Amino acid sequence: MSKRKNHSPEFKAKVALEALKGERTVAELASQFGVHPTMIHSWKRALLEDASGVFERGGKKTAEIDEEQVKELHAKIVG
């Protein structure tokens, strides 16, 4: 039984952008990048759905901080 691969967001974006270009088929891209065609379709759809977020006002979204988790982690570090 094989372990699932965890692909970086950069890799997913690269593959999805290649799929959007339409220069090669999804099957060709799947063979080139070593991923299943279904994943390429999924990444392409996610890219198209979230692309408008790149142009939202205010630039990048700030990460939400869970204060309780910060306290818990700080306690582990301090001892």
N, C-alpha and C. Protein backbone atom coordinates (compact mmCIF):
# COMPACT_ATOMS: atom_id res chain seq x y z
N MET A 1 0.85 -1.18 0.00
CA MET A 1 0.00 0.00 0.00
C MET A 1 0.89 1.23 0.00
N SER A 2 0.61 2.17 -0.88
CA SER A 2 1.45 3.35 -0.99
C SER A 2 0.91 4.49 -0.13
N LYS A 3 1.84 5.35 0.29
CA LYS A 3 1.49 6.50 1.11
C LYS A 3 1.04 7.65 0.20
N ARG A 4 0.08 8.42 0.64
CA ARG A 4 -0.38 9.58 -0.12
C ARG A 4 0.72 10.63 -0.18
N LYS A 5 0.81 11.29 -1.32
CA LYS A 5 1.78 12.36 -1.48
C LYS A 5 1.14 13.67 -1.06
N ASN A 6 1.91 14.48 -0.38
CA ASN A 6 1.47 15.83 -0.02
C ASN A 6 2.19 16.80 -0.94
N HIS A 7 1.45 17.43 -1.82
CA HIS A 7 2.05 18.37 -2.76
C HIS A 7 1.96 19.78 -2.20
N SER A 8 2.99 20.56 -2.46
CA SER A 8 3.03 21.94 -1.97
C SER A 8 2.03 22.79 -2.74
N PRO A 9 1.59 23.88 -2.13
CA PRO A 9 0.68 24.79 -2.84
C PRO A 9 1.30 25.33 -4.12
N GLU A 10 2.61 25.54 -4.11
CA GLU A 10 3.29 26.03 -5.31
C GLU A 10 3.20 25.02 -6.45
N PHE A 11 3.38 23.75 -6.12
CA PHE A 11 3.30 22.69 -7.13
C PHE A 11 1.88 22.61 -7.70
N LYS A 12 0.89 22.66 -6.82
CA LYS A 12 -0.50 22.60 -7.26
C LYS A 12 -0.84 23.76 -8.18
N ALA A 13 -0.37 24.96 -7.82
CA ALA A 13 -0.63 26.14 -8.64
C ALA A 13 0.04 26.00 -10.00
N LYS A 14 1.25 25.49 -10.01
CA LYS A 14 1.98 25.31 -11.27
C LYS A 14 1.23 24.37 -12.20
N VAL A 15 0.79 23.24 -11.66
CA VAL A 15 0.07 22.25 -12.46
C VAL A 15 -1.28 22.82 -12.92
N ALA A 16 -1.99 23.49 -12.03
CA ALA A 16 -3.29 24.06 -12.39
C ALA A 16 -3.14 25.13 -13.48
N LEU A 17 -2.11 25.95 -13.39
CA LEU A 17 -1.89 26.96 -14.41
C LEU A 17 -1.55 26.34 -15.76
N GLU A 18 -0.79 25.25 -15.73
CA GLU A 18 -0.49 24.53 -16.97
C GLU A 18 -1.77 23.99 -17.59
N ALA A 19 -2.66 23.49 -16.74
CA ALA A 19 -3.94 22.96 -17.23
C ALA A 19 -4.79 24.09 -17.83
N LEU A 20 -4.75 25.26 -17.21
CA LEU A 20 -5.53 26.39 -17.72
C LEU A 20 -5.01 26.89 -19.06
N LYS A 21 -3.72 26.78 -19.28
CA LYS A 21 -3.15 27.21 -20.56
C LYS A 21 -3.76 26.44 -21.72
N GLY A 22 -4.04 25.15 -21.51
CA GLY A 22 -4.66 24.34 -22.55
C GLY A 22 -3.72 23.91 -23.66
N GLU A 23 -2.42 24.06 -23.44
CA GLU A 23 -1.46 23.66 -24.47
C GLU A 23 -1.30 22.14 -24.54
N ARG A 24 -1.55 21.47 -23.41
CA ARG A 24 -1.46 20.02 -23.36
C ARG A 24 -2.71 19.48 -22.67
N THR A 25 -3.01 18.22 -22.93
CA THR A 25 -4.19 17.61 -22.32
C THR A 25 -3.91 17.33 -20.85
N VAL A 26 -4.98 17.12 -20.11
CA VAL A 26 -4.84 16.79 -18.69
C VAL A 26 -4.10 15.46 -18.54
N ALA A 27 -4.34 14.53 -19.45
CA ALA A 27 -3.64 13.24 -19.39
C ALA A 27 -2.14 13.43 -19.58
N GLU A 28 -1.77 14.31 -20.49
CA GLU A 28 -0.34 14.58 -20.70
C GLU A 28 0.28 15.22 -19.47
N LEU A 29 -0.44 16.17 -18.87
CA LEU A 29 0.06 16.83 -17.66
C LEU A 29 0.17 15.84 -16.50
N ALA A 30 -0.80 14.97 -16.39
CA ALA A 30 -0.79 13.97 -15.32
C ALA A 30 0.44 13.08 -15.44
N SER A 31 0.75 12.69 -16.66
CA SER A 31 1.92 11.86 -16.90
C SER A 31 3.20 12.64 -16.59
N GLN A 32 3.26 13.88 -17.02
CA GLN A 32 4.45 14.71 -16.81
C GLN A 32 4.72 14.96 -15.33
N PHE A 33 3.67 15.30 -14.58
CA PHE A 33 3.85 15.68 -13.18
C PHE A 33 3.65 14.52 -12.20
N GLY A 34 3.22 13.37 -12.69
CA GLY A 34 3.07 12.20 -11.83
C GLY A 34 1.90 12.29 -10.86
N VAL A 35 0.82 12.90 -11.30
CA VAL A 35 -0.39 12.98 -10.47
C VAL A 35 -1.58 12.47 -11.26
N HIS A 36 -2.65 12.15 -10.57
CA HIS A 36 -3.85 11.63 -11.22
C HIS A 36 -4.61 12.78 -11.90
N PRO A 37 -5.18 12.54 -13.06
CA PRO A 37 -5.93 13.59 -13.76
C PRO A 37 -7.03 14.22 -12.92
N THR A 38 -7.66 13.44 -12.06
CA THR A 38 -8.71 13.97 -11.19
C THR A 38 -8.17 15.07 -10.29
N MET A 39 -6.93 14.91 -9.81
CA MET A 39 -6.33 15.93 -8.96
C MET A 39 -6.10 17.21 -9.75
N ILE A 40 -5.68 17.07 -10.99
CA ILE A 40 -5.46 18.26 -11.81
C ILE A 40 -6.76 19.01 -12.02
N HIS A 41 -7.84 18.29 -12.29
CA HIS A 41 -9.15 18.94 -12.46
C HIS A 41 -9.56 19.65 -11.16
N SER A 42 -9.30 19.01 -10.04
CA SER A 42 -9.66 19.58 -8.74
C SER A 42 -8.86 20.85 -8.46
N TRP A 43 -7.55 20.81 -8.71
CA TRP A 43 -6.70 21.97 -8.47
C TRP A 43 -7.07 23.11 -9.42
N LYS A 44 -7.39 22.78 -10.65
CA LYS A 44 -7.78 23.78 -11.64
C LYS A 44 -9.07 24.48 -11.20
N ARG A 45 -10.05 23.69 -10.75
CA ARG A 45 -11.32 24.24 -10.29
C ARG A 45 -11.10 25.14 -9.07
N ALA A 46 -10.26 24.69 -8.12
CA ALA A 46 -9.98 25.48 -6.92
C ALA A 46 -9.31 26.80 -7.28
N LEU A 47 -8.39 26.75 -8.24
CA LEU A 47 -7.71 27.96 -8.67
C LEU A 47 -8.70 28.95 -9.28
N LEU A 48 -9.58 28.47 -10.12
CA LEU A 48 -10.56 29.35 -10.76
C LEU A 48 -11.54 29.94 -9.74
N GLU A 49 -11.95 29.14 -8.76
CA GLU A 49 -12.91 29.61 -7.76
C GLU A 49 -12.30 30.66 -6.82
N ASP A 50 -11.01 30.51 -6.50
CA ASP A 50 -10.38 31.39 -5.53
C ASP A 50 -9.52 32.48 -6.16
N ALA A 51 -9.49 32.56 -7.48
CA ALA A 51 -8.63 33.54 -8.15
C ALA A 51 -9.00 34.97 -7.82
N SER A 52 -10.27 35.25 -7.63
CA SER A 52 -10.69 36.62 -7.34
C SER A 52 -10.13 37.11 -6.01
N GLY A 53 -9.81 36.21 -5.09
CA GLY A 53 -9.25 36.59 -3.80
C GLY A 53 -7.90 37.25 -3.91
N VAL A 54 -7.19 37.00 -4.98
CA VAL A 54 -5.89 37.60 -5.20
C VAL A 54 -6.02 39.11 -5.36
N PHE A 55 -7.14 39.55 -5.90
CA PHE A 55 -7.32 40.97 -6.21
C PHE A 55 -8.19 41.71 -5.20
N GLU A 56 -8.47 41.10 -4.06
CA GLU A 56 -9.28 41.76 -3.04
C GLU A 56 -8.50 42.92 -2.43
N ARG A 57 -9.23 43.93 -1.98
CA ARG A 57 -8.58 45.08 -1.34
C ARG A 57 -7.93 44.64 -0.03
N GLY A 58 -6.87 45.31 0.30
CA GLY A 58 -6.21 45.02 1.57
C GLY A 58 -5.09 44.02 1.45
N GLY A 59 -4.80 43.56 0.26
CA GLY A 59 -3.69 42.62 0.07
C GLY A 59 -3.97 41.27 0.66
N LYS A 60 -2.93 40.69 1.23
CA LYS A 60 -3.06 39.34 1.78
C LYS A 60 -3.91 39.34 3.04
N LYS A 61 -4.61 38.25 3.23
CA LYS A 61 -5.41 38.11 4.44
C LYS A 61 -4.49 37.83 5.61
N THR A 62 -4.83 38.39 6.76
CA THR A 62 -4.05 38.12 7.95
C THR A 62 -4.52 36.82 8.57
N ALA A 63 -3.60 36.10 9.12
CA ALA A 63 -3.94 34.82 9.74
C ALA A 63 -4.68 35.07 11.04
N GLU A 64 -5.69 34.27 11.27
CA GLU A 64 -6.43 34.37 12.52
C GLU A 64 -5.64 33.64 13.61
N ILE A 65 -5.49 34.30 14.75
CA ILE A 65 -4.70 33.74 15.83
C ILE A 65 -5.63 33.19 16.90
N ASP A 66 -5.41 31.95 17.25
CA ASP A 66 -6.17 31.31 18.31
C ASP A 66 -5.41 31.56 19.62
N GLU A 67 -5.91 32.52 20.41
CA GLU A 67 -5.22 32.93 21.63
C GLU A 67 -5.04 31.76 22.61
N GLU A 68 -6.03 30.90 22.69
CA GLU A 68 -5.95 29.76 23.60
C GLU A 68 -4.81 28.84 23.18
N GLN A 69 -4.66 28.61 21.90
CA GLN A 69 -3.59 27.74 21.40
C GLN A 69 -2.23 28.39 21.64
N VAL A 70 -2.15 29.71 21.49
CA VAL A 70 -0.90 30.41 21.74
C VAL A 70 -0.47 30.24 23.20
N LYS A 71 -1.43 30.38 24.12
CA LYS A 71 -1.13 30.21 25.55
C LYS A 71 -0.66 28.79 25.84
N GLU A 72 -1.32 27.83 25.22
CA GLU A 72 -0.98 26.43 25.42
C GLU A 72 0.43 26.13 24.90
N LEU A 73 0.75 26.62 23.73
CA LEU A 73 2.08 26.39 23.16
C LEU A 73 3.16 27.12 23.95
N HIS A 74 2.84 28.32 24.40
CA HIS A 74 3.80 29.09 25.21
C HIS A 74 4.11 28.34 26.51
N ALA A 75 3.09 27.75 27.10
CA ALA A 75 3.28 27.00 28.34
C ALA A 75 4.19 25.81 28.10
N LYS A 76 4.08 25.17 26.95
CA LYS A 76 4.95 24.03 26.62
C LYS A 76 6.39 24.47 26.45
N ILE A 77 6.59 25.64 25.85
CA ILE A 77 7.94 26.13 25.62
C ILE A 77 8.62 26.53 26.92
N VAL A 78 7.88 27.26 27.75
CA VAL A 78 8.42 27.76 29.01
C VAL A 78 8.66 26.59 29.97
N GLY A 79 7.79 25.64 29.95
CA GLY A 79 8.00 24.47 30.78
C GLY A 79 7.05 24.35 31.85
